[in-house]
Structure formats: structure tokens, C-alpha cells
Amino acid sequence: MKVVLQASHLGRVVDGKTLVDDATFDATEGDIVAIAGPSGAGKSSLLRLLNRLDEPTTGTVFLHDTDYKTLSPRELRRQIGMVTQRPFLFAGTVADNLRFGPAQRGESLAGSRVEELLARVALRGYADRDVSNLSGGEMQRVSLARTLANTPLVVLLDEPTSALDDVAKREVESLIRSIVRDEKLGCVMVTHDMTQAARLADRALLMEAGRIVRSGTVTEVLNA
């Protein structure tokens, strides 16, 4: 598998407190890397460094062979998309949300592409629906489709199903798994749910006090 993202000695210190300490790992095409660990371990802090929502104090990230500090924030976040715990959708229709990212680059997303993306997340025919009328699971799927509309190389997932009921959670998990494999995306996912990590991920990182203390296959890390 081809390495698409490589974090190299990432660290972040704020007001003398170390949030992330010397984190090095990579993500390959078509695989999901789970970041697990107790609350306060630095999981989300590490994730936010991967597309410069927060700036690293030390280290950098390579997207393929490009140092991400050479990319503009807008271009970086197109190539490294993020799906958050609670989806933030813009007022308007589902199609409006999918078209937003491409429009920022002066591109128009064709209606056929909108339908293709919605079919990919099992929301065929939802283009003209107002987002205020969607369920939590539907909103999260629109959020995923909106990220895919930007044709990213990597998707970051921050507890993407923690606000969903069990049925919606399994549906979104299945979509994530198939999309990452089919689109050959790199994927890094923060989760507090070890059973979810075991279901979804190919590899895992265990964090404690800002450091990666164990890495390997999901079985190796979660059963150690």
C-alpha cells in the first residue's frame, strides 16, 4: 500500500503544557488508522495537527512527498478533509452543502456529481432536501459526502459516530469502511470506542499523556 500521509515528530506545546509529544506514524491508501486512548490523552489534539487546524510546535506532515507547510490552508484542508463528531451543515439544501467546497475554488459541481456523491453515502434523491429536516445519521452522511466533494487524499474522522444511535452508527461505519477502500483514501480516526476501532481500523495508535505509546495492527495494540 502507498503511504499517503506521514506525520513526522509532531508536537504541540501551549502555555508550557505538552498536548502532543513527538508523534510519528503514517497512513496508507485504503486503510484506517485508529487513534485510541483515555480522555485527555491528546487524540483530538493530534488529529487537529494533521491538517493544521492547530499549528505544530515541532515536526511536520508530508502529504505524499510534499511538506504540508508549503500548501495554503485552503488547499491543505481540501486534500485532508475532516468529519467532526457533530456535523456542522450550512443552512439550505443538501446540494448547497455539497457544492460549497468546490465553489470556493471557482468550480461548479454538476447535478450528476451531486447525485453520485449522495448515492455513495446512501442518500440517493436527497439533493433538494433542506438540511434542517435531516436526522442525525443523515446529517453525518451529508457531512461525509461534502468532504468527498472536495476529492481529498485523506479523511480525518473525529469521533464520527459518537452522537448517533446504534443503527445509524453501524450504517455510517459501513459507509466509511467501503468509501475508504473504494476511493483508496488515507484515513485517520479518533475514537474512544475500542470495539469500534476493532471493527473499522486496520492499524491503531494508543496514546497516553500526549505520546504514542504503542502502534501496530488493531489486534496487537488493543489486546496488548
Foldseek 3Di string as FASTA:
>chain_A
DAWFKWWAQFWAADPNATLAGGDTDTFFFLFEEEEEEDPSLNQVVVLCCRLPVPPTPDTFMQGRNRTNVVDDSLVSCLQEPEQEQAFDADWAFLLVLLQVSVVVVVDGDDPVNSQVLCVLLVNHPRGHPTPVPDDRLVRSSSSVSSSCSSVYQEYEYENHPPVDDPVSSVSVLVSVSVCRNVSRHTYYYYDHDLVSCVVRGQKYFYGGSNYGPDIDGSCVPVVD
